[in-house]
């Protein structure tokens, strides 16, 4: 996002220092670049989240299986104690 802030500053400074018609085109191009950078940043964040979620899902499944196993063991213990 730092690149976005740099481009925003460039847009503002160019807008005040150049003629209106030239600066409008340059400003539009800088805005497009800024949006592309923001899009890429968000895509990278989403990819990281997806990877992290996959890891968490695997971990959650392991914990679930361990808990199910422990539950069965406890049920067996209760059954033995009731005999």
N, C-alpha and C. Protein backbone atom coordinates (compact mmCIF):
# COMPACT_ATOMS: atom_id res chain seq x y z
N UNK A 1 0.83 -1.19 0.00
CA UNK A 1 0.00 0.00 0.00
C UNK A 1 0.87 1.26 0.00
N UNK A 2 2.12 1.13 0.36
CA UNK A 2 3.02 2.27 0.33
C UNK A 2 3.15 2.83 -1.08
N UNK A 3 3.18 1.93 -2.07
CA UNK A 3 3.26 2.37 -3.46
C UNK A 3 2.03 3.18 -3.84
N UNK A 4 0.90 2.82 -3.31
CA UNK A 4 -0.33 3.54 -3.58
C UNK A 4 -0.22 4.96 -3.05
N UNK A 5 0.31 5.12 -1.84
CA UNK A 5 0.46 6.45 -1.25
C UNK A 5 1.42 7.31 -2.07
N UNK A 6 2.48 6.71 -2.58
CA UNK A 6 3.43 7.44 -3.42
C UNK A 6 2.74 7.91 -4.69
N UNK A 7 1.97 7.03 -5.31
CA UNK A 7 1.25 7.42 -6.53
C UNK A 7 0.21 8.50 -6.25
N UNK A 8 -0.46 8.40 -5.11
CA UNK A 8 -1.44 9.44 -4.77
C UNK A 8 -0.77 10.80 -4.65
N UNK A 9 0.41 10.84 -4.03
CA UNK A 9 1.16 12.08 -3.91
C UNK A 9 1.56 12.60 -5.28
N UNK A 10 1.97 11.69 -6.16
CA UNK A 10 2.36 12.08 -7.51
C UNK A 10 1.18 12.68 -8.26
N UNK A 11 0.01 12.06 -8.10
CA UNK A 11 -1.18 12.56 -8.77
C UNK A 11 -1.47 13.99 -8.31
N UNK A 12 -1.40 14.23 -7.02
CA UNK A 12 -1.70 15.57 -6.49
C UNK A 12 -0.69 16.60 -6.99
N UNK A 13 0.60 16.26 -6.96
CA UNK A 13 1.61 17.22 -7.37
C UNK A 13 1.56 17.49 -8.86
N UNK A 14 1.31 16.46 -9.66
CA UNK A 14 1.20 16.67 -11.10
C UNK A 14 -0.02 17.50 -11.45
N UNK A 15 -1.08 17.27 -10.74
CA UNK A 15 -2.31 18.01 -11.01
C UNK A 15 -2.13 19.50 -10.82
N UNK A 16 -1.29 19.90 -9.88
CA UNK A 16 -1.11 21.32 -9.61
C UNK A 16 0.00 21.94 -10.45
N UNK A 17 0.88 21.14 -11.02
CA UNK A 17 2.04 21.71 -11.71
C UNK A 17 1.95 21.69 -13.23
N UNK A 18 0.98 20.97 -13.80
CA UNK A 18 0.90 20.86 -15.26
C UNK A 18 -0.39 21.47 -15.79
N UNK A 19 -0.43 21.67 -17.11
CA UNK A 19 -1.64 22.17 -17.73
C UNK A 19 -2.77 21.16 -17.55
N UNK A 20 -3.99 21.67 -17.60
CA UNK A 20 -5.16 20.84 -17.29
C UNK A 20 -5.29 19.63 -18.21
N UNK A 21 -5.18 19.78 -19.52
CA UNK A 21 -5.40 18.66 -20.44
C UNK A 21 -4.32 17.60 -20.29
N UNK A 22 -3.06 18.01 -20.18
CA UNK A 22 -1.97 17.06 -20.00
C UNK A 22 -2.05 16.38 -18.64
N UNK A 23 -2.34 17.16 -17.64
CA UNK A 23 -2.36 16.59 -16.28
C UNK A 23 -3.52 15.62 -16.11
N UNK A 24 -4.63 15.86 -16.80
CA UNK A 24 -5.76 14.95 -16.70
C UNK A 24 -5.41 13.56 -17.21
N UNK A 25 -4.72 13.52 -18.33
CA UNK A 25 -4.32 12.23 -18.89
C UNK A 25 -3.31 11.53 -17.98
N UNK A 26 -2.35 12.28 -17.49
CA UNK A 26 -1.34 11.72 -16.60
C UNK A 26 -1.98 11.29 -15.30
N UNK A 27 -2.89 12.12 -14.81
CA UNK A 27 -3.58 11.78 -13.56
C UNK A 27 -4.38 10.49 -13.73
N UNK A 28 -5.07 10.35 -14.84
CA UNK A 28 -5.84 9.12 -15.09
C UNK A 28 -4.92 7.90 -15.14
N UNK A 29 -3.79 8.05 -15.80
CA UNK A 29 -2.84 6.93 -15.88
C UNK A 29 -2.29 6.57 -14.50
N UNK A 30 -1.99 7.57 -13.70
CA UNK A 30 -1.49 7.30 -12.35
C UNK A 30 -2.57 6.65 -11.48
N UNK A 31 -3.81 7.08 -11.66
CA UNK A 31 -4.91 6.47 -10.90
C UNK A 31 -5.06 5.01 -11.30
N UNK A 32 -4.95 4.74 -12.61
CA UNK A 32 -5.03 3.36 -13.09
C UNK A 32 -3.90 2.52 -12.47
N UNK A 33 -2.69 3.07 -12.49
CA UNK A 33 -1.56 2.35 -11.89
C UNK A 33 -1.79 2.12 -10.40
N UNK A 34 -2.30 3.13 -9.73
CA UNK A 34 -2.58 3.02 -8.29
C UNK A 34 -3.59 1.90 -8.04
N UNK A 35 -4.64 1.85 -8.85
CA UNK A 35 -5.65 0.81 -8.69
C UNK A 35 -5.10 -0.58 -9.00
N UNK A 36 -4.23 -0.67 -10.00
CA UNK A 36 -3.62 -1.96 -10.32
C UNK A 36 -2.74 -2.44 -9.18
N UNK A 37 -2.00 -1.54 -8.56
CA UNK A 37 -1.16 -1.90 -7.42
C UNK A 37 -2.03 -2.35 -6.26
N UNK A 38 -3.10 -1.62 -6.00
CA UNK A 38 -4.01 -2.00 -4.91
C UNK A 38 -4.64 -3.36 -5.18
N UNK A 39 -5.02 -3.62 -6.44
CA UNK A 39 -5.61 -4.91 -6.83
C UNK A 39 -4.61 -6.04 -6.60
N UNK A 40 -3.37 -5.83 -7.02
CA UNK A 40 -2.34 -6.85 -6.83
C UNK A 40 -2.09 -7.11 -5.35
N UNK A 41 -2.08 -6.04 -4.57
CA UNK A 41 -1.88 -6.18 -3.13
C UNK A 41 -3.01 -7.01 -2.51
N UNK A 42 -4.22 -6.72 -2.90
CA UNK A 42 -5.37 -7.47 -2.38
C UNK A 42 -5.33 -8.93 -2.83
N UNK A 43 -4.93 -9.17 -4.07
CA UNK A 43 -4.83 -10.55 -4.56
C UNK A 43 -3.80 -11.33 -3.75
N UNK A 44 -2.68 -10.70 -3.44
CA UNK A 44 -1.66 -11.36 -2.64
C UNK A 44 -2.17 -11.65 -1.23
N UNK A 45 -2.90 -10.71 -0.66
CA UNK A 45 -3.48 -10.93 0.67
C UNK A 45 -4.46 -12.10 0.66
N UNK A 46 -5.29 -12.16 -0.37
CA UNK A 46 -6.27 -13.24 -0.49
C UNK A 46 -5.55 -14.58 -0.61
N UNK A 47 -4.50 -14.64 -1.43
CA UNK A 47 -3.74 -15.88 -1.59
C UNK A 47 -3.15 -16.33 -0.26
N UNK A 48 -2.62 -15.40 0.52
CA UNK A 48 -2.07 -15.74 1.83
C UNK A 48 -3.17 -16.26 2.76
N UNK A 49 -4.32 -15.62 2.72
CA UNK A 49 -5.44 -16.05 3.55
C UNK A 49 -5.91 -17.45 3.16
N UNK A 50 -5.97 -17.72 1.87
CA UNK A 50 -6.40 -19.03 1.39
C UNK A 50 -5.44 -20.11 1.89
N UNK A 51 -4.14 -19.84 1.77
CA UNK A 51 -3.13 -20.80 2.25
C UNK A 51 -3.27 -21.00 3.75
N UNK A 52 -3.41 -19.90 4.48
CA UNK A 52 -3.56 -19.99 5.93
C UNK A 52 -4.81 -20.76 6.32
N UNK A 53 -5.89 -20.53 5.61
CA UNK A 53 -7.14 -21.24 5.90
C UNK A 53 -7.01 -22.73 5.63
N UNK A 54 -6.29 -23.09 4.58
CA UNK A 54 -6.08 -24.51 4.27
C UNK A 54 -5.30 -25.19 5.39
N UNK A 55 -4.28 -24.52 5.89
CA UNK A 55 -3.49 -25.06 6.99
C UNK A 55 -4.36 -25.21 8.23
N UNK A 56 -5.16 -24.20 8.52
CA UNK A 56 -6.05 -24.27 9.68
C UNK A 56 -7.08 -25.38 9.54
N UNK A 57 -7.57 -25.59 8.33
CA UNK A 57 -8.56 -26.64 8.09
C UNK A 57 -7.97 -28.02 8.38
N UNK A 58 -6.75 -28.25 7.94
CA UNK A 58 -6.08 -29.52 8.20
C UNK A 58 -5.88 -29.71 9.70
N UNK A 59 -5.43 -28.66 10.36
CA UNK A 59 -5.22 -28.72 11.80
C UNK A 59 -6.53 -28.99 12.54
N UNK A 60 -7.57 -28.33 12.13
CA UNK A 60 -8.88 -28.52 12.75
C UNK A 60 -9.37 -29.96 12.57
N UNK A 61 -9.15 -30.52 11.40
CA UNK A 61 -9.57 -31.90 11.14
C UNK A 61 -8.80 -32.87 12.04
N UNK A 62 -7.52 -32.63 12.22
CA UNK A 62 -6.72 -33.49 13.12
C UNK A 62 -7.24 -33.41 14.56
N UNK A 63 -7.51 -32.21 15.00
CA UNK A 63 -8.03 -32.03 16.36
C UNK A 63 -9.38 -32.72 16.51
N UNK A 64 -10.22 -32.58 15.50
CA UNK A 64 -11.54 -33.21 15.52
C UNK A 64 -11.41 -34.73 15.63
N UNK A 65 -10.52 -35.30 14.85
CA UNK A 65 -10.31 -36.75 14.89
C UNK A 65 -9.78 -37.18 16.26
N UNK A 66 -8.87 -36.42 16.81
CA UNK A 66 -8.32 -36.75 18.13
C UNK A 66 -9.40 -36.69 19.20
N UNK A 67 -10.26 -35.69 19.10
CA UNK A 67 -11.35 -35.57 20.08
C UNK A 67 -12.36 -36.70 19.94
N UNK A 68 -12.65 -37.09 18.71
CA UNK A 68 -13.57 -38.21 18.49
C UNK A 68 -12.99 -39.50 19.08
N UNK A 69 -11.70 -39.70 18.87
CA UNK A 69 -11.03 -40.88 19.42
C UNK A 69 -11.08 -40.86 20.95
N UNK A 70 -10.80 -39.70 21.53
CA UNK A 70 -10.82 -39.58 22.99
C UNK A 70 -12.23 -39.80 23.53
N UNK A 71 -13.22 -39.32 22.83
CA UNK A 71 -14.61 -39.51 23.24
C UNK A 71 -14.96 -41.00 23.28
N UNK A 72 -14.56 -41.73 22.25
CA UNK A 72 -14.80 -43.17 22.21
C UNK A 72 -14.10 -43.88 23.37
N UNK A 73 -12.87 -43.48 23.65
CA UNK A 73 -12.13 -44.07 24.76
C UNK A 73 -12.85 -43.82 26.09
N UNK A 74 -13.33 -42.60 26.27
CA UNK A 74 -14.04 -42.27 27.51
C UNK A 74 -15.35 -43.04 27.62
N UNK A 75 -16.05 -43.19 26.50
CA UNK A 75 -17.28 -43.98 26.51
C UNK A 75 -17.00 -45.43 26.89
N UNK A 76 -15.90 -45.97 26.39
CA UNK A 76 -15.51 -47.34 26.76
C UNK A 76 -15.19 -47.43 28.25
N UNK A 77 -14.48 -46.41 28.76
CA UNK A 77 -14.15 -46.40 30.19
C UNK A 77 -15.42 -46.36 31.04
N UNK A 78 -16.37 -45.55 30.64
CA UNK A 78 -17.64 -45.44 31.39
C UNK A 78 -18.36 -46.76 31.34
N UNK A 79 -18.37 -47.40 30.17
CA UNK A 79 -19.04 -48.69 30.03
C UNK A 79 -18.41 -49.73 30.93
N UNK A 80 -17.09 -49.75 31.01
CA UNK A 80 -16.38 -50.70 31.88
C UNK A 80 -16.70 -50.45 33.35
N UNK A 81 -16.76 -49.16 33.71
CA UNK A 81 -17.03 -48.82 35.11
C UNK A 81 -18.46 -49.18 35.50
N UNK A 82 -19.37 -49.16 34.55
CA UNK A 82 -20.76 -49.49 34.85
C UNK A 82 -20.99 -51.00 34.99
N UNK A 83 -20.06 -51.81 34.53
CA UNK A 83 -20.24 -53.27 34.61
C UNK A 83 -20.06 -53.78 36.01
